[in-house]
């Protein structure tokens, strides 16, 4: 694995894909832990188009040791350096016949423990037991997200589409994108592989068309302290 090449791709393109981070037995163990979790709680959401678990690392604690292997932790430290910790986690299971899609967007909010009036933080989104706020752009520029793929993923079952290099433009509106100048790329990720991306990377995903599920563990990382008494909602490490 060429760490320098992956770092250059993350810095310049806003994302990279690393195959074979987890083998088949490791994936099977993760799926088993998810299947054994009690889906009755408020952090679980299930519709015909999507099964999702918010605060995933808290809702399914057995998953933590399976995800945060010595290999993964060493890899992330090689790529980004020390000091990062997980601040948000979600599990997505997009069924093979799902019509659910996600329009072009940047990940502009972070999850915090409570709503506090702090300069530079806003607007807010407040839902039951969930507070999200847009932080200063410097935090978003420094954060990163990993997406661990439990299934082979391509354009036919809702792989992410991204605009390479768009994370370097700051916060901007999706309707200003000119696809003729910056064409989208579909991020094909094999089972057991991992996509790493910056939150400001413009991305979207399409509907499924091949009957195959797309199961993904999404974990966001930061090394930033928040201002004004704000606390990360899911800081675990």
Protein backbone atom coordinates (compact mmCIF):
# COMPACT_ATOMS: atom_id res chain seq x y z
CA UNK A 1 0.00 0.00 0.00
CA UNK A 2 1.37 3.39 -1.00
CA UNK A 3 0.44 5.65 1.93
CA UNK A 4 1.88 8.75 0.25
CA UNK A 5 -0.23 8.16 -2.84
CA UNK A 6 -3.40 7.84 -0.77
CA UNK A 7 -2.52 11.00 1.16
CA UNK A 8 -1.98 12.90 -2.08
CA UNK A 9 -5.34 11.68 -3.40
CA UNK A 10 -7.16 12.69 -0.22
CA UNK A 11 -5.53 16.13 -0.28
CA UNK A 12 -6.01 16.77 -3.99
CA UNK A 13 -9.17 14.87 -4.90
CA UNK A 14 -10.90 14.81 -1.51
CA UNK A 15 -11.20 11.02 -1.27
CA UNK A 16 -9.46 7.71 -1.80
CA UNK A 17 -10.44 4.02 -1.92
CA UNK A 18 -8.42 1.31 -0.16
CA UNK A 19 -9.30 -2.30 -0.92
CA UNK A 20 -8.95 -5.32 1.37
CA UNK A 21 -8.94 -3.49 4.70
CA UNK A 22 -11.18 -6.23 6.18
CA UNK A 23 -11.32 -9.88 5.10
CA UNK A 24 -14.47 -11.97 4.65
CA UNK A 25 -14.49 -13.44 8.21
CA UNK A 26 -14.18 -9.91 9.64
CA UNK A 27 -17.08 -8.71 7.49
CA UNK A 28 -19.18 -11.71 8.53
CA UNK A 29 -18.47 -10.92 12.20
CA UNK A 30 -19.60 -7.31 11.71
CA UNK A 31 -22.79 -8.41 9.98
CA UNK A 32 -23.43 -10.88 12.80
CA UNK A 33 -23.06 -8.18 15.45
CA UNK A 34 -25.49 -5.94 13.56
CA UNK A 35 -28.02 -8.76 13.11
CA UNK A 36 -27.92 -9.52 16.84
CA UNK A 37 -28.64 -5.92 17.87
CA UNK A 38 -32.11 -5.08 19.16
CA UNK A 39 -33.79 -2.95 16.46
CA UNK A 40 -36.54 -1.64 18.74
CA UNK A 41 -34.66 1.39 20.01
CA UNK A 42 -35.02 5.01 18.79
CA UNK A 43 -31.62 4.90 17.05
CA UNK A 44 -32.91 2.34 14.55
CA UNK A 45 -34.81 3.41 11.45
CA UNK A 46 -36.30 0.95 8.97
CA UNK A 47 -38.31 1.65 5.80
CA UNK A 48 -38.73 -0.17 2.50
CA UNK A 49 -35.84 1.87 1.08
CA UNK A 50 -33.42 2.04 3.98
CA UNK A 51 -32.32 0.48 7.24
CA UNK A 52 -30.16 2.84 9.30
CA UNK A 53 -28.70 2.94 12.80
CA UNK A 54 -27.74 6.34 14.25
CA UNK A 55 -25.01 6.54 16.90
CA UNK A 56 -23.99 3.17 15.55
CA UNK A 57 -20.94 2.61 17.77
CA UNK A 58 -23.10 3.22 20.84
CA UNK A 59 -26.17 1.33 19.62
CA UNK A 60 -24.13 -1.77 18.66
CA UNK A 61 -21.18 -1.75 21.09
CA UNK A 62 -20.01 -5.20 19.94
CA UNK A 63 -19.00 -3.62 16.63
CA UNK A 64 -16.28 -1.42 18.12
CA UNK A 65 -13.55 -4.03 18.53
CA UNK A 66 -14.40 -5.46 15.10
CA UNK A 67 -14.00 -2.08 13.38
CA UNK A 68 -11.14 -0.53 15.35
CA UNK A 69 -8.58 -3.23 14.72
CA UNK A 70 -4.88 -2.54 15.22
CA UNK A 71 -4.55 -2.56 11.42
CA UNK A 72 -7.23 0.11 10.93
CA UNK A 73 -5.92 2.34 13.70
CA UNK A 74 -2.37 2.11 12.34
CA UNK A 75 -3.59 2.88 8.83
CA UNK A 76 -5.51 5.99 9.91
CA UNK A 77 -2.58 7.25 11.95
CA UNK A 78 -0.27 6.79 8.95
CA UNK A 79 -2.66 8.75 6.76
CA UNK A 80 -3.66 11.57 9.11
CA UNK A 81 -1.35 11.54 12.13
CA UNK A 82 -2.24 11.22 15.81
CA UNK A 83 -5.03 12.88 17.77
CA UNK A 84 -8.14 11.99 15.76
CA UNK A 85 -11.15 10.39 17.43
CA UNK A 86 -14.58 9.22 16.18
CA UNK A 87 -17.32 11.84 16.54
CA UNK A 88 -20.24 10.41 14.56
CA UNK A 89 -21.25 6.96 13.35
CA UNK A 90 -24.07 5.65 11.17
CA UNK A 91 -24.86 2.28 9.61
CA UNK A 92 -26.69 2.23 6.28
CA UNK A 93 -28.29 -0.79 4.63
CA UNK A 94 -29.69 0.19 1.25
CA UNK A 95 -31.83 -2.74 -0.04
CA UNK A 96 -31.26 -4.03 -3.53
CA UNK A 97 -34.54 -2.64 -4.87
CA UNK A 98 -34.32 0.70 -3.07
CA UNK A 99 -35.56 3.85 -4.76
CA UNK A 100 -33.80 5.96 -2.13
CA UNK A 101 -31.24 8.38 -3.49
CA UNK A 102 -29.25 11.29 -2.06
CA UNK A 103 -28.90 14.54 -4.01
CA UNK A 104 -25.62 16.41 -4.39
CA UNK A 105 -24.45 17.87 -1.07
CA UNK A 106 -21.55 18.48 1.31
CA UNK A 107 -21.56 17.16 4.90
CA UNK A 108 -21.79 20.52 6.62
CA UNK A 109 -22.97 19.64 10.13
CA UNK A 110 -21.53 17.92 13.17
CA UNK A 111 -23.38 16.16 15.99
CA UNK A 112 -23.12 17.76 19.42
CA UNK A 113 -24.43 16.89 22.87
CA UNK A 114 -26.60 19.99 23.37
CA UNK A 115 -27.56 23.28 21.76
CA UNK A 116 -25.58 26.26 23.01
CA UNK A 117 -25.36 29.78 21.54
CA UNK A 118 -21.75 29.90 20.32
CA UNK A 119 -20.46 32.45 17.83
CA UNK A 120 -19.45 30.91 14.53
CA UNK A 121 -21.65 27.83 14.98
CA UNK A 122 -24.91 27.69 13.02
CA UNK A 123 -27.42 27.12 11.60
CA UNK A 124 -28.76 24.41 13.89
CA UNK A 125 -30.89 21.33 13.29
CA UNK A 126 -32.65 20.04 16.38
CA UNK A 127 -34.44 16.69 16.50
CA UNK A 128 -35.37 14.44 19.44
CA UNK A 129 -32.10 13.46 21.16
CA UNK A 130 -30.12 14.84 18.22
CA UNK A 131 -28.43 18.23 17.83
CA UNK A 132 -26.56 19.12 14.65
CA UNK A 133 -24.82 22.39 13.84
CA UNK A 134 -22.63 23.78 11.10
CA UNK A 135 -19.22 24.55 12.67
CA UNK A 136 -16.53 26.91 11.42
CA UNK A 137 -15.25 25.74 8.04
CA UNK A 138 -11.78 25.08 9.48
CA UNK A 139 -13.20 22.14 11.46
CA UNK A 140 -14.86 20.65 8.39
CA UNK A 141 -11.65 21.03 6.40
CA UNK A 142 -9.71 19.10 9.04
CA UNK A 143 -12.21 16.29 9.65
CA UNK A 144 -12.41 13.08 7.64
CA UNK A 145 -14.87 10.23 7.15
CA UNK A 146 -14.33 6.51 6.60
CA UNK A 147 -16.92 4.33 4.87
CA UNK A 148 -16.40 0.60 5.42
CA UNK A 149 -18.20 -1.42 2.74
CA UNK A 150 -19.79 -4.70 3.78
CA UNK A 151 -20.86 -5.41 0.17
CA UNK A 152 -19.35 -4.92 -3.25
CA UNK A 153 -20.54 -1.47 -4.28
CA UNK A 154 -20.78 0.09 -7.73
CA UNK A 155 -23.00 2.50 -9.63
CA UNK A 156 -25.79 -0.12 -9.87
CA UNK A 157 -26.33 -0.40 -6.13
CA UNK A 158 -25.87 3.17 -5.02
CA UNK A 159 -22.13 3.80 -4.84
CA UNK A 160 -21.23 7.36 -3.95
CA UNK A 161 -20.66 9.76 -6.83
CA UNK A 162 -18.20 12.56 -6.08
CA UNK A 163 -16.84 15.73 -7.67
CA UNK A 164 -13.06 15.34 -7.35
CA UNK A 165 -11.36 18.36 -5.81
CA UNK A 166 -14.62 19.99 -4.73
CA UNK A 167 -13.54 19.91 -1.07
CA UNK A 168 -11.07 22.69 -1.85
CA UNK A 169 -13.80 25.20 -2.72
CA UNK A 170 -15.12 25.75 0.80
CA UNK A 171 -18.89 25.75 1.37
CA UNK A 172 -20.91 26.22 -1.80
CA UNK A 173 -24.25 25.34 -3.37
CA UNK A 174 -24.76 22.15 -5.34
CA UNK A 175 -26.72 23.98 -8.05
CA UNK A 176 -23.55 25.86 -9.03
CA UNK A 177 -21.83 22.67 -10.20
CA UNK A 178 -20.99 22.54 -13.91
CA UNK A 179 -20.65 18.83 -14.72
CA UNK A 180 -19.01 19.69 -18.03
CA UNK A 181 -16.09 21.27 -16.16
CA UNK A 182 -15.95 18.91 -13.19
CA UNK A 183 -17.50 15.55 -14.17
CA UNK A 184 -18.64 13.20 -11.42
CA UNK A 185 -16.80 9.99 -10.56
CA UNK A 186 -18.52 6.85 -9.23
CA UNK A 187 -16.59 5.34 -6.30
CA UNK A 188 -16.48 1.58 -6.80
CA UNK A 189 -15.52 -0.13 -3.52
CA UNK A 190 -15.15 -3.90 -3.09
CA UNK A 191 -16.48 -5.78 -0.07
CA UNK A 192 -14.07 -5.23 2.81
CA UNK A 193 -12.72 -2.06 1.22
CA UNK A 194 -12.91 1.44 2.59
CA UNK A 195 -13.56 4.83 1.09
CA UNK A 196 -12.07 7.81 2.91
CA UNK A 197 -13.38 11.31 2.19
CA UNK A 198 -13.35 14.90 3.38
CA UNK A 199 -16.74 16.27 4.55
CA UNK A 200 -16.64 19.17 2.08
CA UNK A 201 -16.33 16.81 -0.90
CA UNK A 202 -19.49 17.23 -2.99
CA UNK A 203 -21.17 13.82 -3.21
CA UNK A 204 -24.44 12.06 -4.06
CA UNK A 205 -25.76 8.53 -4.52
CA UNK A 206 -28.27 7.03 -6.92
CA UNK A 207 -31.02 4.45 -6.69
CA UNK A 208 -30.26 0.73 -6.71
CA UNK A 209 -30.86 -1.10 -9.99
CA UNK A 210 -29.15 -4.49 -9.71
CA UNK A 211 -30.94 -6.07 -6.74
CA UNK A 212 -27.84 -6.05 -4.52
CA UNK A 213 -27.72 -4.53 -1.05
CA UNK A 214 -25.30 -1.73 -0.15
CA UNK A 215 -24.31 -1.97 3.51
CA UNK A 216 -21.90 0.70 4.76
CA UNK A 217 -20.46 1.71 8.14
CA UNK A 218 -19.92 5.48 8.13
CA UNK A 219 -17.66 6.98 10.82
CA UNK A 220 -16.57 10.63 11.05
CA UNK A 221 -13.35 11.67 12.81
CA UNK A 222 -12.05 14.94 14.24
CA UNK A 223 -9.16 16.16 16.37
CA UNK A 224 -10.73 19.55 17.10
CA UNK A 225 -11.96 20.90 20.41
CA UNK A 226 -15.28 22.72 20.06
CA UNK A 227 -15.81 26.27 21.34
CA UNK A 228 -18.11 27.68 24.00
CA UNK A 229 -18.71 24.50 25.96
CA UNK A 230 -19.99 22.51 22.98
CA UNK A 231 -19.21 18.79 23.18
CA UNK A 232 -19.14 16.14 20.50
CA UNK A 233 -22.21 13.91 20.79
CA UNK A 234 -20.39 10.65 20.14
CA UNK A 235 -16.76 11.11 21.17
CA UNK A 236 -15.58 7.65 22.21
CA UNK A 237 -11.77 7.65 22.15
